[in-house]
Amino acid sequence: GVPANETGPYINAISGAINAWADSRKPTICAMNGS
């Protein structure tokens, strides 16, 4: 129900979070407990 032109904050939040983890200098492990 959110119009396309109002989804910016949602898209910025997910890309910001994922990029932040990609930029981490510490070793990171994804323990994928499922799909």
PDB file of all heavy atoms in Angstrom:
ATOM      1  N   GLY A   1       0.796  -1.229   0.000  1.00  0.00           N
ATOM      2  CA  GLY A   1       0.000   0.000   0.000  1.00  0.00           C
ATOM      3  C   GLY A   1       0.820   1.266   0.000  1.00  0.00           C
ATOM      4  O   GLY A   1       0.267   2.365  -0.122  1.00  0.00           O
ATOM      5  N   VAL A   2       2.149   1.130   0.135  1.00  0.00           N
ATOM      6  CA  VAL A   2       3.013   2.316   0.098  1.00  0.00           C
ATOM      7  C   VAL A   2       3.310   2.646  -1.357  1.00  0.00           C
ATOM      8  O   VAL A   2       3.831   1.799  -2.091  1.00  0.00           O
ATOM      9  CB  VAL A   2       4.326   2.069   0.867  1.00  0.00           C
ATOM     10  CG1 VAL A   2       5.232   3.295   0.775  1.00  0.00           C
ATOM     11  CG2 VAL A   2       4.034   1.722   2.318  1.00  0.00           C
ATOM     12  N   PRO A   3       2.990   3.854  -1.815  1.00  0.00           N
ATOM     13  CA  PRO A   3       3.273   4.214  -3.221  1.00  0.00           C
ATOM     14  C   PRO A   3       4.764   4.109  -3.523  1.00  0.00           C
ATOM     15  O   PRO A   3       5.609   4.289  -2.642  1.00  0.00           O
ATOM     16  CB  PRO A   3       2.793   5.670  -3.311  1.00  0.00           C
ATOM     17  CG  PRO A   3       1.839   5.842  -2.172  1.00  0.00           C
ATOM     18  CD  PRO A   3       2.328   4.940  -1.087  1.00  0.00           C
ATOM     19  N   ALA A   4       5.061   3.813  -4.782  1.00  0.00           N
ATOM     20  CA  ALA A   4       6.455   3.629  -5.184  1.00  0.00           C
ATOM     21  C   ALA A   4       7.309   4.834  -4.830  1.00  0.00           C
ATOM     22  O   ALA A   4       8.470   4.694  -4.423  1.00  0.00           O
ATOM     23  CB  ALA A   4       6.531   3.344  -6.687  1.00  0.00           C
ATOM     24  N   ASN A   5       6.745   6.027  -4.965  1.00  0.00           N
ATOM     25  CA  ASN A   5       7.546   7.229  -4.714  1.00  0.00           C
ATOM     26  C   ASN A   5       7.749   7.503  -3.225  1.00  0.00           C
ATOM     27  O   ASN A   5       8.403   8.485  -2.855  1.00  0.00           O
ATOM     28  CB  ASN A   5       6.921   8.454  -5.385  1.00  0.00           C
ATOM     29  CG  ASN A   5       5.530   8.774  -4.850  1.00  0.00           C
ATOM     30  OD1 ASN A   5       4.959   8.008  -4.083  1.00  0.00           O
ATOM     31  ND2 ASN A   5       4.991   9.904  -5.266  1.00  0.00           N
ATOM     32  N   GLU A   6       7.190   6.651  -2.363  1.00  0.00           N
ATOM     33  CA  GLU A   6       7.374   6.814  -0.921  1.00  0.00           C
ATOM     34  C   GLU A   6       8.151   5.655  -0.297  1.00  0.00           C
ATOM     35  O   GLU A   6       8.250   5.559   0.934  1.00  0.00           O
ATOM     36  CB  GLU A   6       6.009   6.946  -0.229  1.00  0.00           C
ATOM     37  CG  GLU A   6       5.238   8.199  -0.646  1.00  0.00           C
ATOM     38  CD  GLU A   6       3.889   8.286   0.035  1.00  0.00           C
ATOM     39  OE1 GLU A   6       3.659   7.521   1.002  1.00  0.00           O
ATOM     40  OE2 GLU A   6       3.062   9.124  -0.403  1.00  0.00           O
ATOM     41  N   THR A   7       8.703   4.782  -1.127  1.00  0.00           N
ATOM     42  CA  THR A   7       9.415   3.614  -0.600  1.00  0.00           C
ATOM     43  C   THR A   7      10.893   3.885  -0.327  1.00  0.00           C
ATOM     44  O   THR A   7      11.601   3.004   0.168  1.00  0.00           O
ATOM     45  CB  THR A   7       9.317   2.426  -1.578  1.00  0.00           C
ATOM     46  OG1 THR A   7       9.896   2.806  -2.841  1.00  0.00           O
ATOM     47  CG2 THR A   7       7.867   2.001  -1.778  1.00  0.00           C
ATOM     48  N   GLY A   8      11.350   5.083  -0.637  1.00  0.00           N
ATOM     49  CA  GLY A   8      12.760   5.413  -0.459  1.00  0.00           C
ATOM     50  C   GLY A   8      13.316   5.073   0.912  1.00  0.00           C
ATOM     51  O   GLY A   8      14.373   4.432   1.010  1.00  0.00           O
ATOM     52  N   PRO A   9      12.651   5.467   2.016  1.00  0.00           N
ATOM     53  CA  PRO A   9      13.191   5.170   3.346  1.00  0.00           C
ATOM     54  C   PRO A   9      13.344   3.664   3.601  1.00  0.00           C
ATOM     55  O   PRO A   9      14.282   3.247   4.282  1.00  0.00           O
ATOM     56  CB  PRO A   9      12.147   5.781   4.289  1.00  0.00           C
ATOM     57  CG  PRO A   9      11.521   6.878   3.489  1.00  0.00           C
ATOM     58  CD  PRO A   9      11.473   6.353   2.086  1.00  0.00           C
ATOM     59  N   TYR A  10      12.427   2.846   3.056  1.00  0.00           N
ATOM     60  CA  TYR A  10      12.518   1.405   3.244  1.00  0.00           C
ATOM     61  C   TYR A  10      13.705   0.828   2.472  1.00  0.00           C
ATOM     62  O   TYR A  10      14.461  -0.004   2.983  1.00  0.00           O
ATOM     63  CB  TYR A  10      11.226   0.731   2.784  1.00  0.00           C
ATOM     64  CG  TYR A  10      10.000   1.191   3.546  1.00  0.00           C
ATOM     65  CD1 TYR A  10       9.207   2.241   3.074  1.00  0.00           C
ATOM     66  CD2 TYR A  10       9.632   0.579   4.739  1.00  0.00           C
ATOM     67  CE1 TYR A  10       8.089   2.674   3.767  1.00  0.00           C
ATOM     68  CE2 TYR A  10       8.511   0.997   5.444  1.00  0.00           C
ATOM     69  CZ  TYR A  10       7.745   2.045   4.952  1.00  0.00           C
ATOM     70  OH  TYR A  10       6.642   2.467   5.654  1.00  0.00           O
ATOM     71  N   ILE A  11      13.860   1.291   1.232  1.00  0.00           N
ATOM     72  CA  ILE A  11      14.952   0.797   0.396  1.00  0.00           C
ATOM     73  C   ILE A  11      16.298   1.252   0.950  1.00  0.00           C
ATOM     74  O   ILE A  11      17.260   0.476   1.016  1.00  0.00           O
ATOM     75  CB  ILE A  11      14.768   1.278  -1.057  1.00  0.00           C
ATOM     76  CG1 ILE A  11      13.464   0.717  -1.625  1.00  0.00           C
ATOM     77  CG2 ILE A  11      15.949   0.847  -1.915  1.00  0.00           C
ATOM     78  CD1 ILE A  11      13.062   1.329  -2.954  1.00  0.00           C
ATOM     79  N   ASN A  12      16.352   2.503   1.393  1.00  0.00           N
ATOM     80  CA  ASN A  12      17.596   3.007   1.964  1.00  0.00           C
ATOM     81  C   ASN A  12      17.964   2.257   3.240  1.00  0.00           C
ATOM     82  O   ASN A  12      19.151   2.027   3.514  1.00  0.00           O
ATOM     83  CB  ASN A  12      17.474   4.504   2.267  1.00  0.00           C
ATOM     84  CG  ASN A  12      17.372   5.338   1.009  1.00  0.00           C
ATOM     85  OD1 ASN A  12      17.734   4.889  -0.072  1.00  0.00           O
ATOM     86  ND2 ASN A  12      16.863   6.554   1.145  1.00  0.00           N
ATOM     87  N   ALA A  13      16.962   1.872   4.014  1.00  0.00           N
ATOM     88  CA  ALA A  13      17.226   1.172   5.271  1.00  0.00           C
ATOM     89  C   ALA A  13      17.822  -0.204   5.020  1.00  0.00           C
ATOM     90  O   ALA A  13      18.802  -0.599   5.657  1.00  0.00           O
ATOM     91  CB  ALA A  13      15.942   1.057   6.085  1.00  0.00           C
ATOM     92  N   ILE A  14      17.253  -0.969   4.067  1.00  0.00           N
ATOM     93  CA  ILE A  14      17.763  -2.320   3.838  1.00  0.00           C
ATOM     94  C   ILE A  14      19.131  -2.287   3.168  1.00  0.00           C
ATOM     95  O   ILE A  14      20.038  -3.039   3.546  1.00  0.00           O
ATOM     96  CB  ILE A  14      16.760  -3.171   3.025  1.00  0.00           C
ATOM     97  CG1 ILE A  14      17.220  -4.637   2.990  1.00  0.00           C
ATOM     98  CG2 ILE A  14      16.557  -2.645   1.620  1.00  0.00           C
ATOM     99  CD1 ILE A  14      16.181  -5.583   2.421  1.00  0.00           C
ATOM    100  N   SER A  15      19.319  -1.396   2.191  1.00  0.00           N
ATOM    101  CA  SER A  15      20.619  -1.321   1.536  1.00  0.00           C
ATOM    102  C   SER A  15      21.666  -0.771   2.497  1.00  0.00           C
ATOM    103  O   SER A  15      22.822  -1.223   2.498  1.00  0.00           O
ATOM    104  CB  SER A  15      20.548  -0.470   0.268  1.00  0.00           C
ATOM    105  OG  SER A  15      20.145   0.855   0.571  1.00  0.00           O
ATOM    106  N   GLY A  16      21.272   0.158   3.346  1.00  0.00           N
ATOM    107  CA  GLY A  16      22.199   0.705   4.333  1.00  0.00           C
ATOM    108  C   GLY A  16      22.657  -0.343   5.317  1.00  0.00           C
ATOM    109  O   GLY A  16      23.844  -0.411   5.664  1.00  0.00           O
ATOM    110  N   ALA A  17      21.721  -1.182   5.770  1.00  0.00           N
ATOM    111  CA  ALA A  17      22.070  -2.238   6.722  1.00  0.00           C
ATOM    112  C   ALA A  17      23.007  -3.255   6.095  1.00  0.00           C
ATOM    113  O   ALA A  17      24.031  -3.637   6.673  1.00  0.00           O
ATOM    114  CB  ALA A  17      20.801  -2.925   7.221  1.00  0.00           C
ATOM    115  N   ILE A  18      22.665  -3.702   4.898  1.00  0.00           N
ATOM    116  CA  ILE A  18      23.477  -4.738   4.251  1.00  0.00           C
ATOM    117  C   ILE A  18      24.853  -4.200   3.875  1.00  0.00           C
ATOM    118  O   ILE A  18      25.870  -4.881   4.069  1.00  0.00           O
ATOM    119  CB  ILE A  18      22.727  -5.302   3.035  1.00  0.00           C
ATOM    120  CG1 ILE A  18      21.509  -6.109   3.529  1.00  0.00           C
ATOM    121  CG2 ILE A  18      23.639  -6.167   2.171  1.00  0.00           C
ATOM    122  CD1 ILE A  18      20.566  -6.562   2.451  1.00  0.00           C
ATOM    123  N   ASN A  19      24.913  -2.982   3.382  1.00  0.00           N
ATOM    124  CA  ASN A  19      26.210  -2.395   3.062  1.00  0.00           C
ATOM    125  C   ASN A  19      27.065  -2.205   4.311  1.00  0.00           C
ATOM    126  O   ASN A  19      28.292  -2.348   4.266  1.00  0.00           O
ATOM    127  CB  ASN A  19      26.029  -1.061   2.347  1.00  0.00           C
ATOM    128  CG  ASN A  19      25.538  -1.225   0.920  1.00  0.00           C
ATOM    129  OD1 ASN A  19      25.733  -2.265   0.303  1.00  0.00           O
ATOM    130  ND2 ASN A  19      24.886  -0.206   0.395  1.00  0.00           N
ATOM    131  N   ALA A  20      26.421  -1.888   5.425  1.00  0.00           N
ATOM    132  CA  ALA A  20      27.166  -1.721   6.671  1.00  0.00           C
ATOM    133  C   ALA A  20      27.837  -3.024   7.084  1.00  0.00           C
ATOM    134  O   ALA A  20      28.982  -3.026   7.544  1.00  0.00           O
ATOM    135  CB  ALA A  20      26.237  -1.230   7.781  1.00  0.00           C
ATOM    136  N   TRP A  21      27.158  -4.136   6.896  1.00  0.00           N
ATOM    137  CA  TRP A  21      27.761  -5.423   7.241  1.00  0.00           C
ATOM    138  C   TRP A  21      28.824  -5.815   6.235  1.00  0.00           C
ATOM    139  O   TRP A  21      29.851  -6.402   6.584  1.00  0.00           O
ATOM    140  CB  TRP A  21      26.688  -6.504   7.362  1.00  0.00           C
ATOM    141  CG  TRP A  21      25.942  -6.335   8.639  1.00  0.00           C
ATOM    142  CD1 TRP A  21      24.660  -5.893   8.807  1.00  0.00           C
ATOM    143  CD2 TRP A  21      26.471  -6.514   9.958  1.00  0.00           C
ATOM    144  NE1 TRP A  21      24.371  -5.800  10.140  1.00  0.00           N
ATOM    145  CE2 TRP A  21      25.446  -6.177  10.863  1.00  0.00           C
ATOM    146  CE3 TRP A  21      27.713  -6.926  10.447  1.00  0.00           C
ATOM    147  CZ2 TRP A  21      25.638  -6.239  12.252  1.00  0.00           C
ATOM    148  CZ3 TRP A  21      27.900  -6.992  11.826  1.00  0.00           C
ATOM    149  CH2 TRP A  21      26.871  -6.653  12.705  1.00  0.00           C
ATOM    150  N   ALA A  22      28.616  -5.481   4.982  1.00  0.00           N
ATOM    151  CA  ALA A  22      29.641  -5.768   3.975  1.00  0.00           C
ATOM    152  C   ALA A  22      30.909  -4.971   4.250  1.00  0.00           C
ATOM    153  O   ALA A  22      32.019  -5.427   3.941  1.00  0.00           O
ATOM    154  CB  ALA A  22      29.109  -5.453   2.579  1.00  0.00           C
ATOM    155  N   ASP A  23      30.774  -3.791   4.844  1.00  0.00           N
ATOM    156  CA  ASP A  23      31.911  -2.929   5.117  1.00  0.00           C
ATOM    157  C   ASP A  23      32.601  -3.239   6.443  1.00  0.00           C
ATOM    158  O   ASP A  23      33.645  -2.640   6.748  1.00  0.00           O
ATOM    159  CB  ASP A  23      31.469  -1.456   5.128  1.00  0.00           C
ATOM    160  CG  ASP A  23      31.074  -0.958   3.745  1.00  0.00           C
ATOM    161  OD1 ASP A  23      31.476  -1.586   2.750  1.00  0.00           O
ATOM    162  OD2 ASP A  23      30.344   0.046   3.669  1.00  0.00           O
ATOM    163  N   SER A  24      32.042  -4.145   7.219  1.00  0.00           N
ATOM    164  CA  SER A  24      32.646  -4.466   8.517  1.00  0.00           C
ATOM    165  C   SER A  24      34.064  -4.986   8.334  1.00  0.00           C
ATOM    166  O   SER A  24      34.345  -5.808   7.465  1.00  0.00           O
ATOM    167  CB  SER A  24      31.813  -5.522   9.248  1.00  0.00           C
ATOM    168  OG  SER A  24      32.464  -5.925  10.445  1.00  0.00           O
ATOM    169  N   ARG A  25      34.974  -4.520   9.166  1.00  0.00           N
ATOM    170  CA  ARG A  25      36.357  -4.975   9.098  1.00  0.00           C
ATOM    171  C   ARG A  25      36.573  -6.256   9.895  1.00  0.00           C
ATOM    172  O   ARG A  25      37.625  -6.881   9.797  1.00  0.00           O
ATOM    173  CB  ARG A  25      37.294  -3.873   9.608  1.00  0.00           C
ATOM    174  CG  ARG A  25      37.285  -2.608   8.752  1.00  0.00           C
ATOM    175  CD  ARG A  25      38.160  -1.545   9.378  1.00  0.00           C
ATOM    176  NE  ARG A  25      37.642  -1.141  10.686  1.00  0.00           N
ATOM    177  CZ  ARG A  25      38.334  -0.425  11.578  1.00  0.00           C
ATOM    178  NH1 ARG A  25      39.574  -0.057  11.294  1.00  0.00           N
ATOM    179  NH2 ARG A  25      37.797  -0.085  12.727  1.00  0.00           N
ATOM    180  N   LYS A  26      35.591  -6.635  10.687  1.00  0.00           N
ATOM    181  CA  LYS A  26      35.698  -7.851  11.498  1.00  0.00           C
ATOM    182  C   LYS A  26      35.182  -9.053  10.713  1.00  0.00           C
ATOM    183  O   LYS A  26      34.318  -8.906   9.842  1.00  0.00           O
ATOM    184  CB  LYS A  26      34.901  -7.693  12.796  1.00  0.00           C
ATOM    185  CG  LYS A  26      35.361  -6.540  13.672  1.00  0.00           C
ATOM    186  CD  LYS A  26      34.508  -6.416  14.918  1.00  0.00           C
ATOM    187  CE  LYS A  26      34.877  -5.169  15.711  1.00  0.00           C
ATOM    188  NZ  LYS A  26      36.215  -5.234  16.298  1.00  0.00           N
ATOM    189  N   PRO A  27      35.666 -10.262  11.013  1.00  0.00           N
ATOM    190  CA  PRO A  27      35.121 -11.453  10.347  1.00  0.00           C
ATOM    191  C   PRO A  27      33.644 -11.640  10.694  1.00  0.00           C
ATOM    192  O   PRO A  27      33.253 -11.528  11.856  1.00  0.00           O
ATOM    193  CB  PRO A  27      35.964 -12.598  10.935  1.00  0.00           C
ATOM    194  CG  PRO A  27      37.200 -11.948  11.448  1.00  0.00           C
ATOM    195  CD  PRO A  27      36.786 -10.585  11.911  1.00  0.00           C
ATOM    196  N   THR A  28      32.840 -11.897   9.678  1.00  0.00           N
ATOM    197  CA  THR A  28      31.402 -12.085   9.877  1.00  0.00           C
ATOM    198  C   THR A  28      30.982 -13.437   9.324  1.00  0.00           C
ATOM    199  O   THR A  28      31.433 -13.852   8.257  1.00  0.00           O
ATOM    200  CB  THR A  28      30.601 -10.966   9.191  1.00  0.00           C
ATOM    201  OG1 THR A  28      30.994 -10.887   7.804  1.00  0.00           O
ATOM    202  CG2 THR A  28      30.849  -9.625   9.852  1.00  0.00           C
ATOM    203  N   ILE A  29      30.124 -14.106  10.062  1.00  0.00           N
ATOM    204  CA  ILE A  29      29.625 -15.426   9.663  1.00  0.00           C
ATOM    205  C   ILE A  29      28.105 -15.361   9.618  1.00  0.00           C
ATOM    206  O   ILE A  29      27.462 -14.913  10.571  1.00  0.00           O
ATOM    207  CB  ILE A  29      30.049 -16.518  10.656  1.00  0.00           C
ATOM    208  CG1 ILE A  29      31.578 -16.585  10.769  1.00  0.00           C
ATOM    209  CG2 ILE A  29      29.483 -17.873  10.240  1.00  0.00           C
ATOM    210  CD1 ILE A  29      32.060 -17.532  11.856  1.00  0.00           C
ATOM    211  N   CYS A  30      27.520 -15.808   8.527  1.00  0.00           N
ATOM    212  CA  CYS A  30      26.071 -15.941   8.441  1.00  0.00           C
ATOM    213  C   CYS A  30      25.724 -17.394   8.717  1.00  0.00           C
ATOM    214  O   CYS A  30      26.054 -18.278   7.922  1.00  0.00           O
ATOM    215  CB  CYS A  30      25.560 -15.514   7.069  1.00  0.00           C
ATOM    216  SG  CYS A  30      23.750 -15.442   7.000  1.00  0.00           S
ATOM    217  N   ALA A  31      25.094 -17.645   9.849  1.00  0.00           N
ATOM    218  CA  ALA A  31      24.659 -18.987  10.234  1.00  0.00           C
ATOM    219  C   ALA A  31      23.228 -19.153   9.746  1.00  0.00           C
ATOM    220  O   ALA A  31      22.273 -18.758  10.428  1.00  0.00           O
ATOM    221  CB  ALA A  31      24.747 -19.170  11.744  1.00  0.00           C
ATOM    222  N   MET A  32      23.091 -19.732   8.573  1.00  0.00           N
ATOM    223  CA  MET A  32      21.798 -19.784   7.897  1.00  0.00           C
ATOM    224  C   MET A  32      21.006 -20.993   8.402  1.00  0.00           C
ATOM    225  O   MET A  32      21.138 -22.099   7.921  1.00  0.00           O
ATOM    226  CB  MET A  32      22.019 -19.818   6.385  1.00  0.00           C
ATOM    227  CG  MET A  32      22.833 -18.613   5.893  1.00  0.00           C
ATOM    228  SD  MET A  32      23.334 -18.699   4.163  1.00  0.00           S
ATOM    229  CE  MET A  32      21.746 -18.397   3.358  1.00  0.00           C
ATOM    230  N   ASN A  33      20.154 -20.724   9.386  1.00  0.00           N
ATOM    231  CA  ASN A  33      19.367 -21.768  10.033  1.00  0.00           C
ATOM    232  C   ASN A  33      18.206 -22.255   9.177  1.00  0.00           C
ATOM    233  O   ASN A  33      17.477 -23.165   9.571  1.00  0.00           O
ATOM    234  CB  ASN A  33      18.814 -21.237  11.354  1.00  0.00           C
ATOM    235  CG  ASN A  33      18.008 -19.962  11.149  1.00  0.00           C
ATOM    236  OD1 ASN A  33      18.560 -18.941  10.746  1.00  0.00           O
ATOM    237  ND2 ASN A  33      16.707 -20.022  11.386  1.00  0.00           N
ATOM    238  N   GLY A  34      18.042 -21.671   8.011  1.00  0.00           N
ATOM    239  CA  GLY A  34      16.973 -22.064   7.106  1.00  0.00           C
ATOM    240  C   GLY A  34      17.136 -21.332   5.789  1.00  0.00           C
ATOM    241  O   GLY A  34      18.213 -20.825   5.463  1.00  0.00           O
ATOM    242  N   SER A  35      16.068 -21.251   5.043  1.00  0.00           N
ATOM    243  CA  SER A  35      16.110 -20.674   3.698  1.00  0.00           C
ATOM    244  C   SER A  35      16.331 -19.164   3.730  1.00  0.00           C
ATOM    245  O   SER A  35      16.042 -18.496   4.729  1.00  0.00           O
ATOM    246  CB  SER A  35      14.805 -20.985   2.958  1.00  0.00           C
ATOM    247  OG  SER A  35      14.647 -22.389   2.809  1.00  0.00           O
TER     248      SER A  35
END
